[in-house]
Amino acid sequence: MNLKNKIKVKIVEWFSRGVMESVLSGKENIRFKIAKREVRKIMAENDGKKWWASKTIWVNFLTVVAGALTFLMSPEAKMDAQQAGTLATVLGVVNMLLRLVTDKAVSK
């Protein structure tokens, strides 16, 4: 291990020891406060987006609306098995693609 990595390890050990001492004593020392601030910063970065910002939810919502409108406009119109299979496949592919580009969870 080179000198730079040894120094990093020592700093992490020192910092961790300080956080643990703080936790065990019940008193917040500066290392604990720094750790708490960094955890909050990480949590804020990983907060999810609002439901209305989700492309996946919008695609699925529009699918439900289109299906409901089609049914309400012409209840006698039937979809054959091939059309239903094609539609299900297309929607499955769209949802998979949207899932691949998703970078944040949906929050409440």
Protein backbone atom coordinates (compact mmCIF):
# COMPACT_ATOMS: atom_id res chain seq x y z
CA MET A 1 0.00 0.00 0.00
CA ASN A 2 1.44 3.36 -0.97
CA LEU A 3 1.72 6.35 1.35
CA LYS A 4 -1.36 8.09 -0.05
CA ASN A 5 -3.58 5.07 0.61
CA LYS A 6 -2.08 4.61 4.10
CA ILE A 7 -2.96 8.22 4.91
CA LYS A 8 -6.52 7.72 3.62
CA VAL A 9 -6.93 4.61 5.78
CA LYS A 10 -5.66 6.46 8.87
CA ILE A 11 -8.03 9.36 8.24
CA VAL A 12 -11.00 7.01 7.84
CA GLU A 13 -9.99 5.16 11.03
CA TRP A 14 -9.65 8.45 12.95
CA PHE A 15 -12.97 9.73 11.65
CA SER A 16 -14.78 6.43 12.36
CA ARG A 17 -13.32 6.25 15.87
CA GLY A 18 -14.56 9.78 16.55
CA VAL A 19 -18.06 8.99 15.29
CA MET A 20 -18.21 5.81 17.38
CA GLU A 21 -16.98 7.65 20.50
CA SER A 22 -19.72 10.21 19.95
CA VAL A 23 -22.39 7.53 19.55
CA LEU A 24 -21.23 5.62 22.64
CA SER A 25 -20.93 8.71 24.83
CA GLY A 26 -24.21 10.24 23.67
CA LYS A 27 -22.45 13.56 23.01
CA GLU A 28 -22.14 14.94 19.50
CA ASN A 29 -18.52 15.71 18.69
CA ILE A 30 -17.37 17.51 15.55
CA ARG A 31 -16.69 14.27 13.66
CA PHE A 32 -20.22 13.05 14.40
CA LYS A 33 -21.69 16.38 13.23
CA ILE A 34 -19.69 16.19 10.00
CA ALA A 35 -20.84 12.60 9.42
CA LYS A 36 -24.47 13.57 10.08
CA ARG A 37 -24.23 16.50 7.65
CA GLU A 38 -22.73 14.28 4.94
CA VAL A 39 -25.41 11.63 5.42
CA ARG A 40 -28.12 14.30 5.07
CA LYS A 41 -26.44 15.58 1.90
CA ILE A 42 -26.33 12.07 0.41
CA MET A 43 -29.95 11.41 1.38
CA ALA A 44 -31.06 14.70 -0.21
CA GLU A 45 -29.29 13.79 -3.45
CA ASN A 46 -31.04 10.42 -3.51
CA ASP A 47 -34.52 11.68 -2.74
CA GLY A 48 -37.00 10.53 -5.33
CA LYS A 49 -38.84 12.69 -7.77
CA LYS A 50 -42.50 13.58 -7.51
CA TRP A 51 -44.93 11.10 -9.05
CA TRP A 52 -46.00 13.59 -11.72
CA ALA A 53 -42.40 13.78 -13.01
CA SER A 54 -42.33 10.03 -13.79
CA LYS A 55 -42.47 9.21 -17.52
CA THR A 56 -43.46 5.65 -16.68
CA ILE A 57 -46.47 6.76 -14.66
CA TRP A 58 -47.57 9.12 -17.44
CA VAL A 59 -47.30 6.42 -20.13
CA ASN A 60 -49.32 4.03 -18.00
CA PHE A 61 -51.87 6.74 -17.13
CA LEU A 62 -52.36 7.61 -20.81
CA THR A 63 -52.75 3.90 -21.59
CA VAL A 64 -55.52 3.62 -18.99
CA VAL A 65 -57.25 6.77 -20.29
CA ALA A 66 -57.05 5.58 -23.92
CA GLY A 67 -58.43 2.18 -22.97
CA ALA A 68 -61.27 3.67 -20.95
CA LEU A 69 -62.19 6.17 -23.68
CA THR A 70 -62.15 3.45 -26.33
CA PHE A 71 -64.43 1.29 -24.22
CA LEU A 72 -66.81 4.15 -23.40
CA MET A 73 -66.99 5.45 -26.98
CA SER A 74 -67.73 2.13 -28.62
CA PRO A 75 -68.45 -0.74 -26.22
CA GLU A 76 -69.19 -3.08 -29.14
CA ALA A 77 -65.69 -2.65 -30.58
CA LYS A 78 -63.64 -5.72 -29.77
CA MET A 79 -59.92 -6.24 -30.02
CA ASP A 80 -58.78 -9.55 -31.40
CA ALA A 81 -56.09 -11.62 -29.70
CA GLN A 82 -53.34 -10.53 -32.11
CA GLN A 83 -54.06 -6.82 -31.54
CA ALA A 84 -54.16 -7.34 -27.77
CA GLY A 85 -50.87 -9.23 -27.88
CA THR A 86 -49.24 -6.56 -30.01
CA LEU A 87 -50.45 -3.80 -27.71
CA ALA A 88 -49.26 -5.65 -24.61
CA THR A 89 -45.84 -6.25 -26.19
CA VAL A 90 -45.45 -2.61 -27.25
CA LEU A 91 -46.43 -1.34 -23.81
CA GLY A 92 -44.07 -3.84 -22.16
CA VAL A 93 -41.17 -2.65 -24.33
CA VAL A 94 -42.00 1.03 -23.66
CA ASN A 95 -42.11 0.37 -19.92
CA MET A 96 -38.77 -1.49 -20.03
CA LEU A 97 -37.16 1.37 -21.96
CA LEU A 98 -38.52 3.91 -19.51
CA ARG A 99 -37.21 1.80 -16.65
CA LEU A 100 -33.74 1.80 -18.22
CA VAL A 101 -33.64 5.60 -18.32
CA THR A 102 -35.06 5.99 -14.82
CA ASP A 103 -32.51 7.50 -12.47
CA LYS A 104 -34.63 8.32 -9.43
CA ALA A 105 -37.34 6.59 -7.49
CA VAL A 106 -40.79 8.10 -7.21
CA SER A 107 -41.44 9.68 -3.83
CA LYS A 108 -44.72 10.45 -2.17
